[in-house]
PDB file of N, CA and C in Angstrom:
ATOM      1  N   MET A   1      -0.705  -8.221  10.465  1.00  0.00           N
ATOM      2  CA  MET A   1      -0.026  -9.629   9.469  1.00  0.00           C
ATOM      3  C   MET A   1       1.764  -9.787   8.406  1.00  0.00           C
ATOM      4  N   ALA A   2       1.721  -8.214   8.357  1.00  0.00           N
ATOM      5  CA  ALA A   2       2.900  -7.881   7.671  1.00  0.00           C
ATOM      6  C   ALA A   2       3.944  -8.215   9.334  1.00  0.00           C
ATOM      7  N   GLU A   3       3.551  -7.617   9.982  1.00  0.00           N
ATOM      8  CA  GLU A   3       4.334  -7.858  11.092  1.00  0.00           C
ATOM      9  C   GLU A   3       4.938  -9.425  11.128  1.00  0.00           C
ATOM     10  N   ARG A   4       3.326 -10.166  11.245  1.00  0.00           N
ATOM     11  CA  ARG A   4       3.910 -11.962  11.992  1.00  0.00           C
ATOM     12  C   ARG A   4       4.645 -11.991  10.290  1.00  0.00           C
ATOM     13  N   ASP A   5       4.771 -11.656   9.486  1.00  0.00           N
ATOM     14  CA  ASP A   5       5.845 -12.578   8.027  1.00  0.00           C
ATOM     15  C   ASP A   5       6.771 -11.585   8.085  1.00  0.00           C
ATOM     16  N   GLY A   6       7.399 -10.447   9.074  1.00  0.00           N
ATOM     17  CA  GLY A   6       8.628  -9.948   8.972  1.00  0.00           C
ATOM     18  C   GLY A   6       8.933  -8.924   8.715  1.00  0.00           C
ATOM     19  N   VAL A   7       8.042  -8.279   8.264  1.00  0.00           N
ATOM     20  CA  VAL A   7       8.270  -6.618   7.731  1.00  0.00           C
ATOM     21  C   VAL A   7       9.034  -5.365   8.687  1.00  0.00           C
ATOM     22  N   ASN A   8       9.841  -5.308   8.785  1.00  0.00           N
ATOM     23  CA  ASN A   8      10.190  -4.213   9.589  1.00  0.00           C
ATOM     24  C   ASN A   8       9.160  -2.749  10.390  1.00  0.00           C
ATOM     25  N   ALA A   9       8.767  -2.707  11.850  1.00  0.00           N
ATOM     26  CA  ALA A   9       8.330  -2.364  11.660  1.00  0.00           C
ATOM     27  C   ALA A   9       8.135  -0.393  11.375  1.00  0.00           C
ATOM     28  N   ALA A  10       9.966  -0.075  11.437  1.00  0.00           N
ATOM     29  CA  ALA A  10       9.607   1.185  11.401  1.00  0.00           C
ATOM     30  C   ALA A  10       9.841   1.146   9.148  1.00  0.00           C
ATOM     31  N   ASN A  11       9.151   0.190   8.390  1.00  0.00           N
ATOM     32  CA  ASN A  11       9.029   0.369   7.775  1.00  0.00           C
ATOM     33  C   ASN A  11       7.229   0.631   6.819  1.00  0.00           C
ATOM     34  N   LEU A  12       6.653   0.014   7.856  1.00  0.00           N
ATOM     35  CA  LEU A  12       5.074  -0.215   8.140  1.00  0.00           C
ATOM     36  C   LEU A  12       4.835   0.914   8.340  1.00  0.00           C
ATOM     37  N   ARG A  13       5.467   1.402   9.296  1.00  0.00           N
ATOM     38  CA  ARG A  13       4.927   3.221   9.996  1.00  0.00           C
ATOM     39  C   ARG A  13       5.237   3.821   8.881  1.00  0.00           C
ATOM     40  N   ALA A  14       6.505   3.251   8.693  1.00  0.00           N
ATOM     41  CA  ALA A  14       6.853   5.262   7.411  1.00  0.00           C
ATOM     42  C   ALA A  14       5.424   4.486   5.930  1.00  0.00           C
ATOM     43  N   ILE A  15       5.245   3.741   5.820  1.00  0.00           N
ATOM     44  CA  ILE A  15       4.219   3.057   4.743  1.00  0.00           C
ATOM     45  C   ILE A  15       2.234   3.475   5.182  1.00  0.00           C
ATOM     46  N   LEU A  16       2.466   3.432   6.144  1.00  0.00           N
ATOM     47  CA  LEU A  16       1.417   4.053   7.289  1.00  0.00           C
ATOM     48  C   LEU A  16       0.820   5.176   6.944  1.00  0.00           C
ATOM     49  N   ALA A  17       1.952   6.089   7.288  1.00  0.00           N
ATOM     50  CA  ALA A  17       2.082   7.454   7.173  1.00  0.00           C
ATOM     51  C   ALA A  17       2.306   7.814   5.834  1.00  0.00           C
ATOM     52  N   ALA A  18       3.072   7.651   4.911  1.00  0.00           N
ATOM     53  CA  ALA A  18       2.947   7.829   3.549  1.00  0.00           C
ATOM     54  C   ALA A  18       3.986   8.795   3.863  1.00  0.00           C
ATOM     55  N   ASP A  19       5.043   8.394   4.291  1.00  0.00           N
ATOM     56  CA  ASP A  19       6.909   8.510   4.065  1.00  0.00           C
ATOM     57  C   ASP A  19       7.500   8.001   4.079  1.00  0.00           C
ATOM     58  N   GLU A  20       8.052   8.110   2.373  1.00  0.00           N
ATOM     59  CA  GLU A  20       7.845   8.009   1.082  1.00  0.00           C
ATOM     60  C   GLU A  20       9.800   7.826   2.179  1.00  0.00           C
ATOM     61  N   ARG A  21      10.203   8.474   2.041  1.00  0.00           N
ATOM     62  CA  ARG A  21      11.403   9.325   3.022  1.00  0.00           C
ATOM     63  C   ARG A  21      11.966   8.411   3.563  1.00  0.00           C
ATOM     64  N   ALA A  22      11.259   7.529   4.640  1.00  0.00           N
ATOM     65  CA  ALA A  22      11.741   6.330   5.430  1.00  0.00           C
ATOM     66  C   ALA A  22      11.208   5.340   5.160  1.00  0.00           C
ATOM     67  N   MET A  23      10.995   4.632   3.776  1.00  0.00           N
ATOM     68  CA  MET A  23      10.530   3.419   3.359  1.00  0.00           C
ATOM     69  C   MET A  23      11.765   3.235   2.737  1.00  0.00           C
ATOM     70  N   THR A  24      11.627   1.411   2.930  1.00  0.00           N
ATOM     71  CA  THR A  24      13.343   1.250   1.976  1.00  0.00           C
ATOM     72  C   THR A  24      13.418   1.731   0.940  1.00  0.00           C
ATOM     73  N   PRO A  25      13.823   1.306   0.069  1.00  0.00           N
ATOM     74  CA  PRO A  25      13.551   1.643  -1.244  1.00  0.00           C
ATOM     75  C   PRO A  25      12.466   0.750  -2.131  1.00  0.00           C
ATOM     76  N   ALA A  26      12.443  -0.719  -1.749  1.00  0.00           N
ATOM     77  CA  ALA A  26      11.690  -1.484  -2.430  1.00  0.00           C
ATOM     78  C   ALA A  26      10.573  -0.690  -1.414  1.00  0.00           C
ATOM     79  N   ALA A  27      10.218  -0.642  -0.753  1.00  0.00           N
ATOM     80  CA  ALA A  27       8.826  -0.680   0.263  1.00  0.00           C
ATOM     81  C   ALA A  27       8.283   0.894  -0.605  1.00  0.00           C
ATOM     82  N   ALA A  28       9.284   1.926  -0.842  1.00  0.00           N
ATOM     83  CA  ALA A  28       8.484   2.920  -2.456  1.00  0.00           C
ATOM     84  C   ALA A  28       8.098   2.623  -3.461  1.00  0.00           C
ATOM     85  N   LEU A  29       8.709   1.524  -3.792  1.00  0.00           N
ATOM     86  CA  LEU A  29       8.641   1.743  -5.043  1.00  0.00           C
ATOM     87  C   LEU A  29       7.097   1.102  -5.172  1.00  0.00           C
ATOM     88  N   GLY A  30       6.875  -0.160  -4.428  1.00  0.00           N
ATOM     89  CA  GLY A  30       5.416  -0.570  -3.856  1.00  0.00           C
ATOM     90  C   GLY A  30       4.465   0.461  -3.988  1.00  0.00           C
ATOM     91  N   PHE A  31       5.405   1.333  -2.885  1.00  0.00           N
ATOM     92  CA  PHE A  31       4.163   2.468  -2.533  1.00  0.00           C
ATOM     93  C   PHE A  31       3.163   3.265  -3.906  1.00  0.00           C
ATOM     94  N   ARG A  32       4.196   3.622  -4.650  1.00  0.00           N
ATOM     95  CA  ARG A  32       4.478   5.079  -5.460  1.00  0.00           C
ATOM     96  C   ARG A  32       3.525   4.177  -6.516  1.00  0.00           C
ATOM     97  N   PHE A  33       3.474   3.007  -6.763  1.00  0.00           N
ATOM     98  CA  PHE A  33       3.422   1.581  -8.010  1.00  0.00           C
ATOM     99  C   PHE A  33       1.765   2.195  -7.417  1.00  0.00           C
ATOM    100  N   ALA A  34       1.376   1.559  -6.321  1.00  0.00           N
ATOM    101  CA  ALA A  34       0.430   0.877  -5.942  1.00  0.00           C
ATOM    102  C   ALA A  34      -0.902   3.177  -5.840  1.00  0.00           C
ATOM    103  N   GLN A  35      -0.113   3.562  -5.287  1.00  0.00           N
ATOM    104  CA  GLN A  35      -0.103   4.808  -6.141  1.00  0.00           C
ATOM    105  C   GLN A  35      -1.141   5.427  -7.204  1.00  0.00           C
ATOM    106  N   ALA A  36      -0.115   5.258  -7.922  1.00  0.00           N
ATOM    107  CA  ALA A  36      -0.400   5.666  -9.397  1.00  0.00           C
ATOM    108  C   ALA A  36      -1.277   4.973  -9.911  1.00  0.00           C
ATOM    109  N   VAL A  37      -0.943   3.588  -9.714  1.00  0.00           N
ATOM    110  CA  VAL A  37      -2.419   2.685 -10.189  1.00  0.00           C
ATOM    111  C   VAL A  37      -3.840   3.354  -9.850  1.00  0.00           C
ATOM    112  N   VAL A  38      -3.912   3.462  -8.623  1.00  0.00           N
ATOM    113  CA  VAL A  38      -5.415   4.003  -7.280  1.00  0.00           C
ATOM    114  C   VAL A  38      -5.612   5.057  -8.137  1.00  0.00           C
ATOM    115  N   GLY A  39      -4.590   5.871  -8.589  1.00  0.00           N
ATOM    116  CA  GLY A  39      -4.542   7.714  -8.484  1.00  0.00           C
ATOM    117  C   GLY A  39      -4.757   7.566 -10.547  1.00  0.00           C
ATOM    118  N   ARG A  40      -4.816   6.490 -11.430  1.00  0.00           N
ATOM    119  CA  ARG A  40      -5.244   6.779 -12.241  1.00  0.00           C
ATOM    120  C   ARG A  40      -3.955   6.808 -13.307  1.00  0.00           C
ATOM    121  N   ARG A  41      -2.876   7.191 -12.547  1.00  0.00           N
ATOM    122  CA  ARG A  41      -2.073   8.264 -13.362  1.00  0.00           C
ATOM    123  C   ARG A  41      -1.002   7.423 -14.166  1.00  0.00           C
ATOM    124  N   LEU A  42      -1.655   7.260 -15.547  1.00  0.00           N
ATOM    125  CA  LEU A  42      -1.123   6.244 -16.244  1.00  0.00           C
ATOM    126  C   LEU A  42       0.282   6.512 -16.733  1.00  0.00           C
ATOM    127  N   ALA A  43       0.719   7.408 -17.319  1.00  0.00           N
ATOM    128  CA  ALA A  43       2.211   7.180 -17.737  1.00  0.00           C
ATOM    129  C   ALA A  43       3.093   7.257 -16.057  1.00  0.00           C
ATOM    130  N   GLU A  44       2.720   8.002 -14.613  1.00  0.00           N
ATOM    131  CA  GLU A  44       4.096   7.096 -13.702  1.00  0.00           C
ATOM    132  C   GLU A  44       3.182   5.909 -13.394  1.00  0.00           C
ATOM    133  N   ALA A  45       2.015   5.432 -13.418  1.00  0.00           N
ATOM    134  CA  ALA A  45       2.192   3.449 -13.600  1.00  0.00           C
ATOM    135  C   ALA A  45       3.397   2.755 -14.317  1.00  0.00           C
ATOM    136  N   ASP A  46       2.452   3.426 -16.020  1.00  0.00           N
ATOM    137  CA  ASP A  46       4.264   2.772 -16.910  1.00  0.00           C
ATOM    138  C   ASP A  46       5.704   2.689 -16.100  1.00  0.00           C
ATOM    139  N   THR A  47       6.103   4.175 -15.973  1.00  0.00           N
ATOM    140  CA  THR A  47       7.125   3.568 -15.512  1.00  0.00           C
ATOM    141  C   THR A  47       7.794   3.569 -14.800  1.00  0.00           C
ATOM    142  N   LEU A  48       6.695   2.901 -12.906  1.00  0.00           N
ATOM    143  CA  LEU A  48       6.717   2.329 -12.666  1.00  0.00           C
ATOM    144  C   LEU A  48       7.245   0.794 -12.571  1.00  0.00           C
ATOM    145  N   ARG A  49       5.849   0.704 -13.056  1.00  0.00           N
ATOM    146  CA  ARG A  49       5.383  -0.479 -13.520  1.00  0.00           C
ATOM    147  C   ARG A  49       6.974  -1.341 -14.559  1.00  0.00           C
ATOM    148  N   GLY A  50       7.413  -0.431 -15.397  1.00  0.00           N
ATOM    149  CA  GLY A  50       8.859  -0.594 -15.921  1.00  0.00           C
ATOM    150  C   GLY A  50      10.034  -1.289 -14.586  1.00  0.00           C
ATOM    151  N   GLU A  51       9.727  -0.242 -13.753  1.00  0.00           N
ATOM    152  CA  GLU A  51      10.904  -0.626 -12.915  1.00  0.00           C
ATOM    153  C   GLU A  51      10.947  -1.650 -11.680  1.00  0.00           C
ATOM    154  N   VAL A  52       9.210  -2.681 -11.632  1.00  0.00           N
ATOM    155  CA  VAL A  52       9.233  -3.248 -10.859  1.00  0.00           C
ATOM    156  C   VAL A  52       9.066  -4.856 -11.349  1.00  0.00           C
ATOM    157  N   LEU A  53       9.292  -4.584 -13.495  1.00  0.00           N
ATOM    158  CA  LEU A  53       9.893  -6.014 -13.501  1.00  0.00           C
ATOM    159  C   LEU A  53      11.241  -6.035 -13.443  1.00  0.00           C
ATOM    160  N   GLN A  54      12.342  -4.637 -13.832  1.00  0.00           N
ATOM    161  CA  GLN A  54      12.574  -5.652 -13.976  1.00  0.00           C
ATOM    162  C   GLN A  54      13.636  -5.578 -12.679  1.00  0.00           C
ATOM    163  N   ARG A  55      13.088  -5.222 -11.371  1.00  0.00           N
ATOM    164  CA  ARG A  55      13.565  -4.961 -10.181  1.00  0.00           C
ATOM    165  C   ARG A  55      12.911  -6.773  -9.735  1.00  0.00           C
ATOM    166  N   TRP A  56      11.829  -7.214 -10.012  1.00  0.00           N
ATOM    167  CA  TRP A  56      11.709  -8.316  -9.247  1.00  0.00           C
ATOM    168  C   TRP A  56      10.781  -9.222 -10.149  1.00  0.00           C
ATOM    169  N   GLY A  57      10.136  -8.887 -11.676  1.00  0.00           N
ATOM    170  CA  GLY A  57      10.001  -9.649 -12.330  1.00  0.00           C
ATOM    171  C   GLY A  57       8.541  -9.566 -12.717  1.00  0.00           C
ATOM    172  N   ARG A  58       8.321 -10.657 -13.638  1.00  0.00           N
ATOM    173  CA  ARG A  58       7.006 -10.409 -14.067  1.00  0.00           C
ATOM    174  C   ARG A  58       5.757 -11.353 -12.887  1.00  0.00           C
ATOM    175  N   ARG A  59       6.031 -12.127 -11.751  1.00  0.00           N
ATOM    176  CA  ARG A  59       5.368 -12.615 -11.012  1.00  0.00           C
ATOM    177  C   ARG A  59       4.705 -11.388  -9.917  1.00  0.00           C
ATOM    178  N   ALA A  60       6.046 -10.465  -9.067  1.00  0.00           N
ATOM    179  CA  ALA A  60       5.982  -9.549  -8.442  1.00  0.00           C
ATOM    180  C   ALA A  60       4.403  -8.771  -9.059  1.00  0.00           C
ATOM    181  N   LEU A  61       4.865  -8.436 -10.387  1.00  0.00           N
ATOM    182  CA  LEU A  61       4.203  -7.244 -10.477  1.00  0.00           C
ATOM    183  C   LEU A  61       2.719  -7.952 -10.659  1.00  0.00           C
ATOM    184  N   VAL A  62       2.345  -9.574 -11.271  1.00  0.00           N
ATOM    185  CA  VAL A  62       0.718 -10.310 -11.604  1.00  0.00           C
ATOM    186  C   VAL A  62       0.509  -9.955  -9.274  1.00  0.00           C
ATOM    187  N   SER A  63       1.383 -10.029  -8.756  1.00  0.00           N
ATOM    188  CA  SER A  63       0.996  -9.855  -7.372  1.00  0.00           C
ATOM    189  C   SER A  63       0.743  -9.178  -6.549  1.00  0.00           C
ATOM    190  N   LEU A  64       1.974  -7.535  -7.144  1.00  0.00           N
ATOM    191  CA  LEU A  64       1.340  -6.685  -6.593  1.00  0.00           C
ATOM    192  C   LEU A  64      -0.391  -5.828  -7.596  1.00  0.00           C
ATOM    193  N   ALA A  65      -0.531  -6.002  -8.380  1.00  0.00           N
ATOM    194  CA  ALA A  65      -1.892  -5.850  -9.418  1.00  0.00           C
ATOM    195  C   ALA A  65      -2.835  -6.428  -8.677  1.00  0.00           C
ATOM    196  N   LEU A  66      -2.602  -8.232  -8.058  1.00  0.00           N
ATOM    197  CA  LEU A  66      -3.636  -8.274  -7.673  1.00  0.00           C
ATOM    198  C   LEU A  66      -4.647  -7.848  -6.101  1.00  0.00           C
ATOM    199  N   THR A  67      -3.149  -7.923  -5.286  1.00  0.00           N
ATOM    200  CA  THR A  67      -3.069  -6.850  -3.535  1.00  0.00           C
ATOM    201  C   THR A  67      -3.364  -5.879  -3.808  1.00  0.00           C
ATOM    202  N   ILE A  68      -3.368  -4.736  -5.100  1.00  0.00           N
ATOM    203  CA  ILE A  68      -3.415  -3.044  -5.473  1.00  0.00           C
ATOM    204  C   ILE A  68      -5.193  -3.672  -5.451  1.00  0.00           C
ATOM    205  N   ALA A  69      -5.863  -4.118  -6.365  1.00  0.00           N
ATOM    206  CA  ALA A  69      -6.598  -4.521  -6.667  1.00  0.00           C
ATOM    207  C   ALA A  69      -8.237  -5.003  -5.122  1.00  0.00           C
ATOM    208  N   SER A  70      -7.569  -6.047  -5.105  1.00  0.00           N
ATOM    209  CA  SER A  70      -8.204  -6.558  -4.235  1.00  0.00           C
ATOM    210  C   SER A  70      -8.355  -6.392  -2.459  1.00  0.00           C
ATOM    211  N   SER A  71      -7.442  -4.722  -1.963  1.00  0.00           N
ATOM    212  CA  SER A  71      -7.050  -4.007  -0.732  1.00  0.00           C
ATOM    213  C   SER A  71      -8.441  -3.525  -0.864  1.00  0.00           C
ATOM    214  N   THR A  72      -9.167  -2.964  -2.254  1.00  0.00           N
ATOM    215  CA  THR A  72     -10.559  -2.337  -1.984  1.00  0.00           C
ATOM    216  C   THR A  72     -11.772  -3.602  -1.772  1.00  0.00           C
ATOM    217  N   VAL A  73     -11.437  -4.413  -1.423  1.00  0.00           N
ATOM    218  CA  VAL A  73     -13.188  -5.788  -1.650  1.00  0.00           C
ATOM    219  C   VAL A  73     -13.558  -5.089  -0.233  1.00  0.00           C
ATOM    220  N   PHE A  74     -12.023  -5.564   0.904  1.00  0.00           N
ATOM    221  CA  PHE A  74     -12.951  -5.776   1.973  1.00  0.00           C
ATOM    222  C   PHE A  74     -13.278  -4.812   2.406  1.00  0.00           C
ATOM    223  N   PRO A  75     -13.201  -3.587   2.403  1.00  0.00           N
ATOM    224  CA  PRO A  75     -13.467  -2.027   2.825  1.00  0.00           C
ATOM    225  C   PRO A  75     -14.785  -1.681   2.694  1.00  0.00           C
ATOM    226  N   ASN A  76     -14.887  -2.361   1.432  1.00  0.00           N
ATOM    227  CA  ASN A  76     -16.150  -1.604   0.844  1.00  0.00           C
ATOM    228  C   ASN A  76     -17.398  -3.624   0.907  1.00  0.00           C
ATOM    229  N   VAL A  77     -16.955  -3.843   0.948  1.00  0.00           N
ATOM    230  CA  VAL A  77     -17.820  -4.927   2.095  1.00  0.00           C
ATOM    231  C   VAL A  77     -18.114  -4.600   3.140  1.00  0.00           C
ATOM    232  N   LYS A  78     -17.227  -4.366   3.791  1.00  0.00           N
ATOM    233  CA  LYS A  78     -17.187  -3.991   5.086  1.00  0.00           C
ATOM    234  C   LYS A  78     -19.089  -2.498   5.123  1.00  0.00           C
ATOM    235  N   TYR A  79     -18.297  -1.665   4.473  1.00  0.00           N
ATOM    236  CA  TYR A  79     -18.884  -0.319   4.722  1.00  0.00           C
ATOM    237  C   TYR A  79     -20.884  -1.004   4.090  1.00  0.00           C
ATOM    238  N   ALA A  80     -20.802  -2.136   2.736  1.00  0.00           N
ATOM    239  CA  ALA A  80     -22.011  -1.966   2.156  1.00  0.00           C
ATOM    240  C   ALA A  80     -23.021  -3.151   3.207  1.00  0.00           C
ATOM    241  N   LEU A  81     -22.740  -3.662   3.738  1.00  0.00           N
ATOM    242  CA  LEU A  81     -22.667  -4.099   5.488  1.00  0.00           C
ATOM    243  C   LEU A  81     -23.244  -2.917   6.522  1.00  0.00           C
ATOM    244  N   GLY A  82     -22.604  -2.252   6.739  1.00  0.00           N
ATOM    245  CA  GLY A  82     -22.374  -1.707   7.677  1.00  0.00           C
ATOM    246  C   GLY A  82     -21.746  -1.879   8.472  1.00  0.00           C
ATOM    247  N   HIS A  83     -20.657  -2.292   8.390  1.00  0.00           N
ATOM    248  CA  HIS A  83     -19.925  -2.636  10.250  1.00  0.00           C
ATOM    249  C   HIS A  83     -18.606  -2.331   9.316  1.00  0.00           C
ATOM    250  N   GLY A  84     -18.536  -0.100   8.371  1.00  0.00           N
ATOM    251  CA  GLY A  84     -17.477  -0.030   7.910  1.00  0.00           C
ATOM    252  C   GLY A  84     -17.756   1.036   9.529  1.00  0.00           C
ATOM    253  N   HIS A  85     -16.008   1.591  10.053  1.00  0.00           N
ATOM    254  CA  HIS A  85     -15.379   3.058  10.241  1.00  0.00           C
ATOM    255  C   HIS A  85     -14.059   2.620  10.239  1.00  0.00           C
ATOM    256  N   ALA A  86     -13.624   4.411   9.616  1.00  0.00           N
ATOM    257  CA  ALA A  86     -12.472   4.256   9.826  1.00  0.00           C
ATOM    258  C   ALA A  86     -11.622   3.755  10.170  1.00  0.00           C
ATOM    259  N   CYS A  87     -10.889   4.178   9.882  1.00  0.00           N
ATOM    260  CA  CYS A  87      -9.374   3.470  10.750  1.00  0.00           C
ATOM    261  C   CYS A  87      -9.139   4.531  11.721  1.00  0.00           C
ATOM    262  N   THR A  88      -8.841   4.600  12.791  1.00  0.00           N
ATOM    263  CA  THR A  88      -8.388   5.656  13.474  1.00  0.00           C
ATOM    264  C   THR A  88      -6.779   5.463  14.149  1.00  0.00           C
ATOM    265  N   GLN A  89      -6.884   3.875  14.636  1.00  0.00           N
ATOM    266  CA  GLN A  89      -6.182   3.799  15.105  1.00  0.00           C
ATOM    267  C   GLN A  89      -5.300   1.751  14.732  1.00  0.00           C
ATOM    268  N   ILE A  90      -3.769   2.334  14.036  1.00  0.00           N
ATOM    269  CA  ILE A  90      -3.207   0.579  13.796  1.00  0.00           C
ATOM    270  C   ILE A  90      -2.022   1.154  15.056  1.00  0.00           C
ATOM    271  N   ARG A  91      -1.623  -0.280  14.816  1.00  0.00           N
ATOM    272  CA  ARG A  91      -0.907  -0.044  16.126  1.00  0.00           C
ATOM    273  C   ARG A  91       0.369  -1.347  15.192  1.00  0.00           C
ATOM    274  N   VAL A  92       2.075  -0.541  15.745  1.00  0.00           N
ATOM    275  CA  VAL A  92       2.801  -2.124  14.890  1.00  0.00           C
ATOM    276  C   VAL A  92       3.523  -1.976  16.097  1.00  0.00           C
ATOM    277  N   ALA A  93       4.480  -2.388  15.736  1.00  0.00           N
ATOM    278  CA  ALA A  93       5.392  -3.234  17.404  1.00  0.00           C
ATOM    279  C   ALA A  93       4.608  -2.824  18.358  1.00  0.00           C
ATOM    280  N   GLY A  94       3.766  -2.925  19.012  1.00  0.00           N
ATOM    281  CA  GLY A  94       3.408  -2.368  20.050  1.00  0.00           C
ATOM    282  C   GLY A  94       2.760  -1.564  20.285  1.00  0.00           C
ATOM    283  N   GLY A  95       3.183  -0.255  19.829  1.00  0.00           N
ATOM    284  CA  GLY A  95       2.424   1.484  19.380  1.00  0.00           C
ATOM    285  C   GLY A  95       1.785   1.683  18.651  1.00  0.00           C
ATOM    286  N   ASN A  96       1.242   2.319  19.041  1.00  0.00           N
ATOM    287  CA  ASN A  96       0.188   3.297  17.721  1.00  0.00           C
ATOM    288  C   ASN A  96       1.176   3.879  17.041  1.00  0.00           C
ATOM    289  N   ALA A  97       1.131   3.881  15.307  1.00  0.00           N
ATOM    290  CA  ALA A  97       1.247   4.285  14.438  1.00  0.00           C
ATOM    291  C   ALA A  97       0.581   4.982  13.504  1.00  0.00           C
ATOM    292  N   PRO A  98       1.340   6.771  13.280  1.00  0.00           N
ATOM    293  CA  PRO A  98       0.685   7.042  12.508  1.00  0.00           C
ATOM    294  C   PRO A  98      -0.271   7.081  11.628  1.00  0.00           C
ATOM    295  N   LEU A  99      -1.431   7.411  10.953  1.00  0.00           N
ATOM    296  CA  LEU A  99      -1.284   7.137   9.937  1.00  0.00           C
ATOM    297  C   LEU A  99      -2.554   8.474   8.348  1.00  0.00           C
ATOM    298  N   ALA A 100      -1.655   7.988   7.397  1.00  0.00           N
ATOM    299  CA  ALA A 100      -1.722   8.602   6.333  1.00  0.00           C
ATOM    300  C   ALA A 100      -3.089   8.883   6.484  1.00  0.00           C
ATOM    301  N   HIS A 101      -4.373   9.942   6.013  1.00  0.00           N
ATOM    302  CA  HIS A 101      -5.842   9.569   5.865  1.00  0.00           C
ATOM    303  C   HIS A 101      -4.921  10.309   4.446  1.00  0.00           C
ATOM    304  N   ARG A 102      -5.932  10.035   3.024  1.00  0.00           N
ATOM    305  CA  ARG A 102      -6.165  10.230   1.389  1.00  0.00           C
ATOM    306  C   ARG A 102      -7.195  10.284   0.896  1.00  0.00           C
ATOM    307  N   GLU A 103      -7.547  10.491   0.162  1.00  0.00           N
ATOM    308  CA  GLU A 103      -8.309  10.539  -0.305  1.00  0.00           C
ATOM    309  C   GLU A 103      -8.320  10.769  -1.282  1.00  0.00           C
ATOM    310  N   LEU A 104      -9.025   8.993  -2.474  1.00  0.00           N
ATOM    311  CA  LEU A 104      -8.158   8.924  -3.752  1.00  0.00           C
ATOM    312  C   LEU A 104      -9.533   8.813  -4.289  1.00  0.00           C
ATOM    313  N   HIS A 105      -9.818   9.726  -5.155  1.00  0.00           N
ATOM    314  CA  HIS A 105     -11.206   9.595  -6.579  1.00  0.00           C
ATOM    315  C   HIS A 105     -10.502   8.339  -6.878  1.00  0.00           C
ATOM    316  N   VAL A 106     -11.464   7.726  -7.290  1.00  0.00           N
ATOM    317  CA  VAL A 106     -11.455   6.626  -8.677  1.00  0.00           C
ATOM    318  C   VAL A 106     -12.153   7.288  -9.515  1.00  0.00           C
TER     319      VAL A 106
END
């Protein structure tokens, strides 16, 4: 879906691989903010929230917050219904993209 919306393939690969150095500054900010929120690193999230607000405003913060929250709904519903399978292969721009696997303890 991100590709269809025009997100650069190299940026998508960097996000999937959790390679912040290869992300655009905007993607890295969103990525770090999401990781801090999900990981309950509150002080870091507070700092990054300020950067998000300064850079994009309140509407973007609300959009990020809803996206972060909803990103756990679909996998949990799949697992609960017995249809959950680990992501082992994701295709970006017609090729396989490396996927960083991280356990998040919430």
